[in-house]
Amino acid sequence: MAKSDAEMPDHKSLNEDLQEIAEHLETLRSNLDALAGSIGATGSHQAEALNAQAGEALGAMEDAIRREPLKSVGIALGVGFLLGVLMGR
Protein backbone atom coordinates (compact mmCIF):
# COMPACT_ATOMS: atom_id res chain seq x y z
CA MET A 1 0.00 0.00 0.00
CA ALA A 2 1.38 3.45 -0.90
CA LYS A 3 2.29 5.82 1.88
CA SER A 4 0.48 9.11 2.18
CA ASP A 5 2.34 12.40 1.87
CA ALA A 6 2.20 12.82 5.64
CA GLU A 7 4.16 9.56 6.13
CA MET A 8 6.90 10.38 3.56
CA PRO A 9 10.14 11.98 4.81
CA ASP A 10 10.76 15.61 4.04
CA HIS A 11 12.36 15.54 0.56
CA LYS A 12 13.94 18.95 1.01
CA SER A 13 15.88 17.98 4.13
CA LEU A 14 16.86 14.67 2.51
CA ASN A 15 18.25 16.52 -0.51
CA GLU A 16 20.14 18.88 1.79
CA ASP A 17 21.59 15.92 3.69
CA LEU A 18 22.65 14.25 0.44
CA GLN A 19 24.25 17.49 -0.76
CA GLU A 20 26.16 17.81 2.53
CA ILE A 21 27.35 14.20 2.28
CA ALA A 22 28.47 14.81 -1.31
CA GLU A 23 30.45 17.87 -0.21
CA HIS A 24 32.10 15.89 2.60
CA LEU A 25 33.01 13.12 0.15
CA GLU A 26 34.53 15.64 -2.24
CA THR A 27 36.60 17.15 0.59
CA LEU A 28 37.70 13.67 1.65
CA ARG A 29 38.71 12.79 -1.91
CA SER A 30 40.68 16.01 -2.19
CA ASN A 31 42.45 15.31 1.11
CA LEU A 32 43.26 11.75 0.03
CA ASP A 33 44.71 13.01 -3.26
CA ALA A 34 46.91 15.46 -1.37
CA LEU A 35 48.02 12.73 1.04
CA ALA A 36 48.88 10.38 -1.82
CA GLY A 37 50.98 13.09 -3.45
CA SER A 38 52.76 13.80 -0.20
CA ILE A 39 53.50 10.11 0.38
CA GLY A 40 54.82 9.78 -3.17
CA ALA A 41 57.14 12.77 -2.74
CA THR A 42 58.41 11.46 0.60
CA GLY A 43 59.01 8.00 -0.85
CA SER A 44 60.89 9.45 -3.79
CA HIS A 45 63.06 11.55 -1.47
CA GLN A 46 63.82 8.53 0.72
CA ALA A 47 64.74 6.43 -2.33
CA GLU A 48 67.16 9.13 -3.50
CA ALA A 49 68.76 9.33 -0.03
CA LEU A 50 69.11 5.55 0.13
CA ASN A 51 70.68 5.48 -3.32
CA ALA A 52 73.18 8.15 -2.27
CA GLN A 53 74.10 6.20 0.89
CA ALA A 54 74.57 3.00 -1.12
CA GLY A 55 76.85 4.85 -3.53
CA GLU A 56 78.93 6.19 -0.64
CA ALA A 57 79.21 2.72 0.92
CA LEU A 58 80.27 1.23 -2.41
CA GLY A 59 82.90 3.93 -2.85
CA ALA A 60 84.26 3.31 0.65
CA MET A 61 84.42 -0.43 -0.02
CA GLU A 62 86.26 0.13 -3.31
CA ASP A 63 88.78 2.37 -1.52
CA ALA A 64 89.36 -0.26 1.17
CA ILE A 65 89.93 -2.95 -1.46
CA ARG A 66 92.44 -0.74 -3.29
CA ARG A 67 94.34 0.01 -0.05
CA GLU A 68 94.51 -3.59 1.18
CA PRO A 69 93.82 -6.04 -1.66
CA LEU A 70 95.21 -9.15 0.09
CA LYS A 71 93.13 -8.57 3.19
CA SER A 72 90.05 -8.06 0.98
CA VAL A 73 90.69 -11.32 -0.88
CA GLY A 74 91.12 -13.16 2.44
CA ILE A 75 87.84 -11.77 3.75
CA ALA A 76 86.07 -12.70 0.50
CA LEU A 77 87.44 -16.26 0.71
CA GLY A 78 86.34 -16.57 4.35
CA VAL A 79 82.84 -15.31 3.62
CA GLY A 80 82.61 -17.61 0.59
CA PHE A 81 83.70 -20.58 2.69
CA LEU A 82 81.16 -19.81 5.41
CA LEU A 83 78.37 -19.43 2.85
CA GLY A 84 79.38 -22.72 1.27
CA VAL A 85 79.25 -24.49 4.62
CA LEU A 86 75.89 -22.97 5.52
CA MET A 87 74.32 -23.71 2.14
CA GLY A 88 75.66 -27.25 2.15
CA ARG A 89 73.52 -28.10 5.17
PDB file of N, CA and C in Angstrom:
ATOM      1  N   MET A   1       0.851  -1.163   0.000  1.00  0.00           N
ATOM      2  CA  MET A   1       0.000   0.000   0.000  1.00  0.00           C
ATOM      3  C   MET A   1       0.910   1.243   0.000  1.00  0.00           C
ATOM      4  N   ALA A   2       0.580   2.234  -0.783  1.00  0.00           N
ATOM      5  CA  ALA A   2       1.383   3.445  -0.897  1.00  0.00           C
ATOM      6  C   ALA A   2       1.229   4.309   0.339  1.00  0.00           C
ATOM      7  N   LYS A   3       2.335   4.939   0.714  1.00  0.00           N
ATOM      8  CA  LYS A   3       2.292   5.822   1.884  1.00  0.00           C
ATOM      9  C   LYS A   3       1.689   7.160   1.498  1.00  0.00           C
ATOM     10  N   SER A   4       1.031   7.778   2.439  1.00  0.00           N
ATOM     11  CA  SER A   4       0.479   9.108   2.182  1.00  0.00           C
ATOM     12  C   SER A   4       1.589  10.136   2.300  1.00  0.00           C
ATOM     13  N   ASP A   5       1.353  11.324   1.814  1.00  0.00           N
ATOM     14  CA  ASP A   5       2.342  12.397   1.867  1.00  0.00           C
ATOM     15  C   ASP A   5       2.774  12.704   3.296  1.00  0.00           C
ATOM     16  N   ALA A   6       1.885  12.530   4.245  1.00  0.00           N
ATOM     17  CA  ALA A   6       2.200  12.817   5.645  1.00  0.00           C
ATOM     18  C   ALA A   6       3.216  11.818   6.191  1.00  0.00           C
ATOM     19  N   GLU A   7       3.242  10.588   5.648  1.00  0.00           N
ATOM     20  CA  GLU A   7       4.157   9.559   6.132  1.00  0.00           C
ATOM     21  C   GLU A   7       5.520   9.607   5.432  1.00  0.00           C
ATOM     22  N   MET A   8       5.639  10.309   4.323  1.00  0.00           N
ATOM     23  CA  MET A   8       6.895  10.384   3.559  1.00  0.00           C
ATOM     24  C   MET A   8       7.858  11.363   4.241  1.00  0.00           C
ATOM     25  N   PRO A   9       9.173  11.060   4.204  1.00  0.00           N
ATOM     26  CA  PRO A   9      10.141  11.984   4.807  1.00  0.00           C
ATOM     27  C   PRO A   9      10.191  13.285   4.018  1.00  0.00           C
ATOM     28  N   ASP A  10      10.661  14.311   4.672  1.00  0.00           N
ATOM     29  CA  ASP A  10      10.760  15.615   4.043  1.00  0.00           C
ATOM     30  C   ASP A  10      11.829  15.544   2.952  1.00  0.00           C
ATOM     31  N   HIS A  11      11.434  15.672   1.690  1.00  0.00           N
ATOM     32  CA  HIS A  11      12.364  15.544   0.564  1.00  0.00           C
ATOM     33  C   HIS A  11      13.398  16.661   0.546  1.00  0.00           C
ATOM     34  N   LYS A  12      12.997  17.824   1.018  1.00  0.00           N
ATOM     35  CA  LYS A  12      13.937  18.950   1.007  1.00  0.00           C
ATOM     36  C   LYS A  12      15.091  18.691   1.975  1.00  0.00           C
ATOM     37  N   SER A  13      14.799  18.223   3.175  1.00  0.00           N
ATOM     38  CA  SER A  13      15.880  17.978   4.127  1.00  0.00           C
ATOM     39  C   SER A  13      16.723  16.782   3.677  1.00  0.00           C
ATOM     40  N   LEU A  14      16.111  15.806   3.024  1.00  0.00           N
ATOM     41  CA  LEU A  14      16.856  14.665   2.507  1.00  0.00           C
ATOM     42  C   LEU A  14      17.824  15.115   1.417  1.00  0.00           C
ATOM     43  N   ASN A  15      17.370  15.984   0.537  1.00  0.00           N
ATOM     44  CA  ASN A  15      18.247  16.515  -0.510  1.00  0.00           C
ATOM     45  C   ASN A  15      19.389  17.328   0.092  1.00  0.00           C
ATOM     46  N   GLU A  16      19.094  18.095   1.124  1.00  0.00           N
ATOM     47  CA  GLU A  16      20.141  18.879   1.789  1.00  0.00           C
ATOM     48  C   GLU A  16      21.173  17.960   2.437  1.00  0.00           C
ATOM     49  N   ASP A  17      20.681  16.889   3.077  1.00  0.00           N
ATOM     50  CA  ASP A  17      21.592  15.919   3.695  1.00  0.00           C
ATOM     51  C   ASP A  17      22.470  15.249   2.645  1.00  0.00           C
ATOM     52  N   LEU A  18      21.877  14.880   1.518  1.00  0.00           N
ATOM     53  CA  LEU A  18      22.650  14.254   0.445  1.00  0.00           C
ATOM     54  C   LEU A  18      23.686  15.224  -0.123  1.00  0.00           C
ATOM     55  N   GLN A  19      23.312  16.478  -0.258  1.00  0.00           N
ATOM     56  CA  GLN A  19      24.250  17.490  -0.760  1.00  0.00           C
ATOM     57  C   GLN A  19      25.416  17.659   0.220  1.00  0.00           C
ATOM     58  N   GLU A  20      25.110  17.671   1.506  1.00  0.00           N
ATOM     59  CA  GLU A  20      26.156  17.809   2.529  1.00  0.00           C
ATOM     60  C   GLU A  20      27.095  16.600   2.503  1.00  0.00           C
ATOM     61  N   ILE A  21      26.528  15.406   2.363  1.00  0.00           N
ATOM     62  CA  ILE A  21      27.350  14.198   2.281  1.00  0.00           C
ATOM     63  C   ILE A  21      28.244  14.250   1.041  1.00  0.00           C
ATOM     64  N   ALA A  22      27.690  14.700  -0.079  1.00  0.00           N
ATOM     65  CA  ALA A  22      28.470  14.807  -1.312  1.00  0.00           C
ATOM     66  C   ALA A  22      29.628  15.794  -1.140  1.00  0.00           C
ATOM     67  N   GLU A  23      29.380  16.889  -0.451  1.00  0.00           N
ATOM     68  CA  GLU A  23      30.446  17.868  -0.209  1.00  0.00           C
ATOM     69  C   GLU A  23      31.540  17.278   0.689  1.00  0.00           C
ATOM     70  N   HIS A  24      31.122  16.532   1.715  1.00  0.00           N
ATOM     71  CA  HIS A  24      32.102  15.889   2.604  1.00  0.00           C
ATOM     72  C   HIS A  24      32.932  14.855   1.836  1.00  0.00           C
ATOM     73  N   LEU A  25      32.285  14.112   0.951  1.00  0.00           N
ATOM     74  CA  LEU A  25      33.010  13.121   0.154  1.00  0.00           C
ATOM     75  C   LEU A  25      34.001  13.791  -0.792  1.00  0.00           C
ATOM     76  N   GLU A  26      33.618  14.909  -1.358  1.00  0.00           N
ATOM     77  CA  GLU A  26      34.530  15.642  -2.244  1.00  0.00           C
ATOM     78  C   GLU A  26      35.729  16.162  -1.463  1.00  0.00           C
ATOM     79  N   THR A  27      35.496  16.681  -0.257  1.00  0.00           N
ATOM     80  CA  THR A  27      36.598  17.147   0.589  1.00  0.00           C
ATOM     81  C   THR A  27      37.508  15.988   0.967  1.00  0.00           C
ATOM     82  N   LEU A  28      36.919  14.855   1.297  1.00  0.00           N
ATOM     83  CA  LEU A  28      37.696  13.673   1.650  1.00  0.00           C
ATOM     84  C   LEU A  28      38.541  13.207   0.471  1.00  0.00           C
ATOM     85  N   ARG A  29      37.960  13.195  -0.723  1.00  0.00           N
ATOM     86  CA  ARG A  29      38.706  12.789  -1.914  1.00  0.00           C
ATOM     87  C   ARG A  29      39.866  13.739  -2.177  1.00  0.00           C
ATOM     88  N   SER A  30      39.633  15.009  -2.003  1.00  0.00           N
ATOM     89  CA  SER A  30      40.682  16.006  -2.191  1.00  0.00           C
ATOM     90  C   SER A  30      41.813  15.800  -1.185  1.00  0.00           C
ATOM     91  N   ASN A  31      41.445  15.553   0.071  1.00  0.00           N
ATOM     92  CA  ASN A  31      42.452  15.312   1.108  1.00  0.00           C
ATOM     93  C   ASN A  31      43.247  14.036   0.832  1.00  0.00           C
ATOM     94  N   LEU A  32      42.563  12.998   0.355  1.00  0.00           N
ATOM     95  CA  LEU A  32      43.259  11.747   0.026  1.00  0.00           C
ATOM     96  C   LEU A  32      44.219  11.930  -1.149  1.00  0.00           C
ATOM     97  N   ASP A  33      43.821  12.715  -2.138  1.00  0.00           N
ATOM     98  CA  ASP A  33      44.709  13.010  -3.264  1.00  0.00           C
ATOM     99  C   ASP A  33      45.957  13.744  -2.794  1.00  0.00           C
ATOM    100  N   ALA A  34      45.772  14.713  -1.904  1.00  0.00           N
ATOM    101  CA  ALA A  34      46.910  15.459  -1.369  1.00  0.00           C
ATOM    102  C   ALA A  34      47.821  14.555  -0.556  1.00  0.00           C
ATOM    103  N   LEU A  35      47.234  13.669   0.237  1.00  0.00           N
ATOM    104  CA  LEU A  35      48.018  12.731   1.042  1.00  0.00           C
ATOM    105  C   LEU A  35      48.810  11.781   0.149  1.00  0.00           C
ATOM    106  N   ALA A  36      48.191  11.277  -0.895  1.00  0.00           N
ATOM    107  CA  ALA A  36      48.883  10.376  -1.818  1.00  0.00           C
ATOM    108  C   ALA A  36      50.058  11.082  -2.482  1.00  0.00           C
ATOM    109  N   GLY A  37      49.879  12.324  -2.862  1.00  0.00           N
ATOM    110  CA  GLY A  37      50.978  13.093  -3.454  1.00  0.00           C
ATOM    111  C   GLY A  37      52.111  13.308  -2.470  1.00  0.00           C
ATOM    112  N   SER A  38      51.757  13.591  -1.239  1.00  0.00           N
ATOM    113  CA  SER A  38      52.759  13.799  -0.200  1.00  0.00           C
ATOM    114  C   SER A  38      53.542  12.518   0.077  1.00  0.00           C
ATOM    115  N   ILE A  39      52.835  11.396   0.147  1.00  0.00           N
ATOM    116  CA  ILE A  39      53.496  10.110   0.376  1.00  0.00           C
ATOM    117  C   ILE A  39      54.424   9.781  -0.787  1.00  0.00           C
ATOM    118  N   GLY A  40      53.988  10.041  -1.990  1.00  0.00           N
ATOM    119  CA  GLY A  40      54.823   9.784  -3.169  1.00  0.00           C
ATOM    120  C   GLY A  40      56.089  10.625  -3.151  1.00  0.00           C
ATOM    121  N   ALA A  41      55.966  11.892  -2.792  1.00  0.00           N
ATOM    122  CA  ALA A  41      57.136  12.770  -2.740  1.00  0.00           C
ATOM    123  C   ALA A  41      58.105  12.321  -1.650  1.00  0.00           C
ATOM    124  N   THR A  42      57.564  11.932  -0.500  1.00  0.00           N
ATOM    125  CA  THR A  42      58.409  11.463   0.602  1.00  0.00           C
ATOM    126  C   THR A  42      59.118  10.174   0.214  1.00  0.00           C
ATOM    127  N   GLY A  43      58.402   9.249  -0.405  1.00  0.00           N
ATOM    128  CA  GLY A  43      59.005   7.995  -0.846  1.00  0.00           C
ATOM    129  C   GLY A  43      60.102   8.220  -1.862  1.00  0.00           C
ATOM    130  N   SER A  44      59.882   9.136  -2.776  1.00  0.00           N
ATOM    131  CA  SER A  44      60.892   9.453  -3.785  1.00  0.00           C
ATOM    132  C   SER A  44      62.137  10.046  -3.138  1.00  0.00           C
ATOM    133  N   HIS A  45      61.932  10.938  -2.167  1.00  0.00           N
ATOM    134  CA  HIS A  45      63.060  11.550  -1.467  1.00  0.00           C
ATOM    135  C   HIS A  45      63.850  10.493  -0.702  1.00  0.00           C
ATOM    136  N   GLN A  46      63.152   9.577  -0.033  1.00  0.00           N
ATOM    137  CA  GLN A  46      63.821   8.525   0.723  1.00  0.00           C
ATOM    138  C   GLN A  46      64.599   7.600  -0.204  1.00  0.00           C
ATOM    139  N   ALA A  47      64.050   7.283  -1.371  1.00  0.00           N
ATOM    140  CA  ALA A  47      64.743   6.429  -2.335  1.00  0.00           C
ATOM    141  C   ALA A  47      66.028   7.101  -2.820  1.00  0.00           C
ATOM    142  N   GLU A  48      65.969   8.403  -3.071  1.00  0.00           N
ATOM    143  CA  GLU A  48      67.163   9.135  -3.495  1.00  0.00           C
ATOM    144  C   GLU A  48      68.223   9.132  -2.400  1.00  0.00           C
ATOM    145  N   ALA A  49      67.819   9.335  -1.149  1.00  0.00           N
ATOM    146  CA  ALA A  49      68.759   9.333  -0.031  1.00  0.00           C
ATOM    147  C   ALA A  49      69.389   7.957   0.140  1.00  0.00           C
ATOM    148  N   LEU A  50      68.595   6.911   0.015  1.00  0.00           N
ATOM    149  CA  LEU A  50      69.112   5.550   0.133  1.00  0.00           C
ATOM    150  C   LEU A  50      70.094   5.239  -0.984  1.00  0.00           C
ATOM    151  N   ASN A  51      69.783   5.685  -2.176  1.00  0.00           N
ATOM    152  CA  ASN A  51      70.677   5.478  -3.316  1.00  0.00           C
ATOM    153  C   ASN A  51      72.007   6.198  -3.096  1.00  0.00           C
ATOM    154  N   ALA A  52      71.957   7.397  -2.551  1.00  0.00           N
ATOM    155  CA  ALA A  52      73.184   8.153  -2.273  1.00  0.00           C
ATOM    156  C   ALA A  52      74.021   7.444  -1.211  1.00  0.00           C
ATOM    157  N   GLN A  53      73.381   6.924  -0.167  1.00  0.00           N
ATOM    158  CA  GLN A  53      74.102   6.200   0.885  1.00  0.00           C
ATOM    159  C   GLN A  53      74.724   4.925   0.334  1.00  0.00           C
ATOM    160  N   ALA A  54      74.026   4.226  -0.525  1.00  0.00           N
ATOM    161  CA  ALA A  54      74.567   3.002  -1.120  1.00  0.00           C
ATOM    162  C   ALA A  54      75.783   3.334  -1.985  1.00  0.00           C
ATOM    163  N   GLY A  55      75.715   4.427  -2.709  1.00  0.00           N
ATOM    164  CA  GLY A  55      76.853   4.853  -3.526  1.00  0.00           C
ATOM    165  C   GLY A  55      78.064   5.186  -2.673  1.00  0.00           C
ATOM    166  N   GLU A  56      77.828   5.858  -1.543  1.00  0.00           N
ATOM    167  CA  GLU A  56      78.928   6.188  -0.636  1.00  0.00           C
ATOM    168  C   GLU A  56      79.551   4.927  -0.040  1.00  0.00           C
ATOM    169  N   ALA A  57      78.707   3.972   0.349  1.00  0.00           N
ATOM    170  CA  ALA A  57      79.214   2.718   0.921  1.00  0.00           C
ATOM    171  C   ALA A  57      80.015   1.941  -0.118  1.00  0.00           C
ATOM    172  N   LEU A  58      79.543   1.915  -1.345  1.00  0.00           N
ATOM    173  CA  LEU A  58      80.266   1.228  -2.407  1.00  0.00           C
ATOM    174  C   LEU A  58      81.611   1.886  -2.663  1.00  0.00           C
ATOM    175  N   GLY A  59      81.632   3.210  -2.665  1.00  0.00           N
ATOM    176  CA  GLY A  59      82.897   3.935  -2.851  1.00  0.00           C
ATOM    177  C   GLY A  59      83.881   3.643  -1.723  1.00  0.00           C
ATOM    178  N   ALA A  60      83.400   3.606  -0.490  1.00  0.00           N
ATOM    179  CA  ALA A  60      84.262   3.309   0.651  1.00  0.00           C
ATOM    180  C   ALA A  60      84.808   1.888   0.560  1.00  0.00           C
ATOM    181  N   MET A  61      83.970   0.956   0.118  1.00  0.00           N
ATOM    182  CA  MET A  61      84.425  -0.426  -0.017  1.00  0.00           C
ATOM    183  C   MET A  61      85.478  -0.538  -1.127  1.00  0.00           C
ATOM    184  N   GLU A  62      85.274   0.145  -2.223  1.00  0.00           N
ATOM    185  CA  GLU A  62      86.263   0.132  -3.308  1.00  0.00           C
ATOM    186  C   GLU A  62      87.591   0.705  -2.832  1.00  0.00           C
ATOM    187  N   ASP A  63      87.553   1.778  -2.060  1.00  0.00           N
ATOM    188  CA  ASP A  63      88.785   2.369  -1.522  1.00  0.00           C
ATOM    189  C   ASP A  63      89.504   1.401  -0.596  1.00  0.00           C
ATOM    190  N   ALA A  64      88.755   0.706   0.250  1.00  0.00           N
ATOM    191  CA  ALA A  64      89.357  -0.259   1.174  1.00  0.00           C
ATOM    192  C   ALA A  64      89.996  -1.406   0.411  1.00  0.00           C
ATOM    193  N   ILE A  65      89.367  -1.863  -0.650  1.00  0.00           N
ATOM    194  CA  ILE A  65      89.928  -2.950  -1.460  1.00  0.00           C
ATOM    195  C   ILE A  65      91.205  -2.494  -2.145  1.00  0.00           C
ATOM    196  N   ARG A  66      91.234  -1.265  -2.624  1.00  0.00           N
ATOM    197  CA  ARG A  66      92.442  -0.745  -3.286  1.00  0.00           C
ATOM    198  C   ARG A  66      93.598  -0.587  -2.293  1.00  0.00           C
ATOM    199  N   ARG A  67      93.288  -0.188  -1.052  1.00  0.00           N
ATOM    200  CA  ARG A  67      94.340   0.011  -0.049  1.00  0.00           C
ATOM    201  C   ARG A  67      94.914  -1.314   0.429  1.00  0.00           C
ATOM    202  N   GLU A  68      94.061  -2.311   0.631  1.00  0.00           N
ATOM    203  CA  GLU A  68      94.506  -3.595   1.179  1.00  0.00           C
ATOM    204  C   GLU A  68      93.887  -4.748   0.384  1.00  0.00           C
ATOM    205  N   PRO A  69      94.426  -5.019  -0.808  1.00  0.00           N
ATOM    206  CA  PRO A  69      93.818  -6.040  -1.659  1.00  0.00           C
ATOM    207  C   PRO A  69      93.938  -7.461  -1.094  1.00  0.00           C
ATOM    208  N   LEU A  70      95.048  -7.793  -0.447  1.00  0.00           N
ATOM    209  CA  LEU A  70      95.208  -9.148   0.087  1.00  0.00           C
ATOM    210  C   LEU A  70      94.239  -9.410   1.238  1.00  0.00           C
ATOM    211  N   LYS A  71      94.072  -8.429   2.094  1.00  0.00           N
ATOM    212  CA  LYS A  71      93.125  -8.566   3.195  1.00  0.00           C
ATOM    213  C   LYS A  71      91.710  -8.734   2.636  1.00  0.00           C
ATOM    214  N   SER A  72      91.375  -7.979   1.593  1.00  0.00           N
ATOM    215  CA  SER A  72      90.048  -8.061   0.981  1.00  0.00           C
ATOM    216  C   SER A  72      89.806  -9.434   0.370  1.00  0.00           C
ATOM    217  N   VAL A  73      90.829  -9.988  -0.291  1.00  0.00           N
ATOM    218  CA  VAL A  73      90.689 -11.321  -0.884  1.00  0.00           C
ATOM    219  C   VAL A  73      90.498 -12.357   0.221  1.00  0.00           C
ATOM    220  N   GLY A  74      91.261 -12.228   1.310  1.00  0.00           N
ATOM    221  CA  GLY A  74      91.116 -13.155   2.436  1.00  0.00           C
ATOM    222  C   GLY A  74      89.727 -13.108   3.035  1.00  0.00           C
ATOM    223  N   ILE A  75      89.193 -11.908   3.206  1.00  0.00           N
ATOM    224  CA  ILE A  75      87.837 -11.765   3.750  1.00  0.00           C
ATOM    225  C   ILE A  75      86.823 -12.389   2.789  1.00  0.00           C
ATOM    226  N   ALA A  76      86.992 -12.139   1.497  1.00  0.00           N
ATOM    227  CA  ALA A  76      86.072 -12.700   0.502  1.00  0.00           C
ATOM    228  C   ALA A  76      86.117 -14.222   0.522  1.00  0.00           C
ATOM    229  N   LEU A  77      87.318 -14.801   0.642  1.00  0.00           N
ATOM    230  CA  LEU A  77      87.443 -16.257   0.710  1.00  0.00           C
ATOM    231  C   LEU A  77      86.768 -16.799   1.966  1.00  0.00           C
ATOM    232  N   GLY A  78      86.965 -16.138   3.095  1.00  0.00           N
ATOM    233  CA  GLY A  78      86.344 -16.570   4.346  1.00  0.00           C
ATOM    234  C   GLY A  78      84.832 -16.521   4.275  1.00  0.00           C
ATOM    235  N   VAL A  79      84.299 -15.441   3.745  1.00  0.00           N
ATOM    236  CA  VAL A  79      82.845 -15.306   3.617  1.00  0.00           C
ATOM    237  C   VAL A  79      82.306 -16.362   2.652  1.00  0.00           C
ATOM    238  N   GLY A  80      83.024 -16.581   1.553  1.00  0.00           N
ATOM    239  CA  GLY A  80      82.610 -17.606   0.590  1.00  0.00           C
ATOM    240  C   GLY A  80      82.600 -18.996   1.213  1.00  0.00           C
ATOM    241  N   PHE A  81      83.628 -19.281   2.012  1.00  0.00           N
ATOM    242  CA  PHE A  81      83.698 -20.577   2.690  1.00  0.00           C
ATOM    243  C   PHE A  81      82.535 -20.761   3.652  1.00  0.00           C
ATOM    244  N   LEU A  82      82.260 -19.724   4.462  1.00  0.00           N
ATOM    245  CA  LEU A  82      81.158 -19.805   5.415  1.00  0.00           C
ATOM    246  C   LEU A  82      79.812 -19.994   4.697  1.00  0.00           C
ATOM    247  N   LEU A  83      79.610 -19.271   3.609  1.00  0.00           N
ATOM    248  CA  LEU A  83      78.368 -19.433   2.850  1.00  0.00           C
ATOM    249  C   LEU A  83      78.250 -20.838   2.275  1.00  0.00           C
ATOM    250  N   GLY A  84      79.387 -21.366   1.796  1.00  0.00           N
ATOM    251  CA  GLY A  84      79.382 -22.724   1.267  1.00  0.00           C
ATOM    252  C   GLY A  84      79.027 -23.751   2.330  1.00  0.00           C
ATOM    253  N   VAL A  85      79.564 -23.563   3.531  1.00  0.00           N
ATOM    254  CA  VAL A  85      79.252 -24.491   4.624  1.00  0.00           C
ATOM    255  C   VAL A  85      77.780 -24.376   5.017  1.00  0.00           C
ATOM    256  N   LEU A  86      77.290 -23.154   5.122  1.00  0.00           N
ATOM    257  CA  LEU A  86      75.892 -22.968   5.525  1.00  0.00           C
ATOM    258  C   LEU A  86      74.916 -23.470   4.468  1.00  0.00           C
ATOM    259  N   MET A  87      75.228 -23.267   3.215  1.00  0.00           N
ATOM    260  CA  MET A  87      74.321 -23.706   2.143  1.00  0.00           C
ATOM    261  C   MET A  87      74.412 -25.205   1.899  1.00  0.00           C
ATOM    262  N   GLY A  88      75.504 -25.813   2.318  1.00  0.00           N
ATOM    263  CA  GLY A  88      75.655 -27.250   2.153  1.00  0.00           C
ATOM    264  C   GLY A  88      74.829 -28.039   3.135  1.00  0.00           C
ATOM    265  N   ARG A  89      74.326 -27.397   4.145  1.00  0.00           N
ATOM    266  CA  ARG A  89      73.522 -28.101   5.167  1.00  0.00           C
ATOM    267  C   ARG A  89      72.106 -28.255   4.756  1.00  0.00           C
TER     268      ARG A  89
END
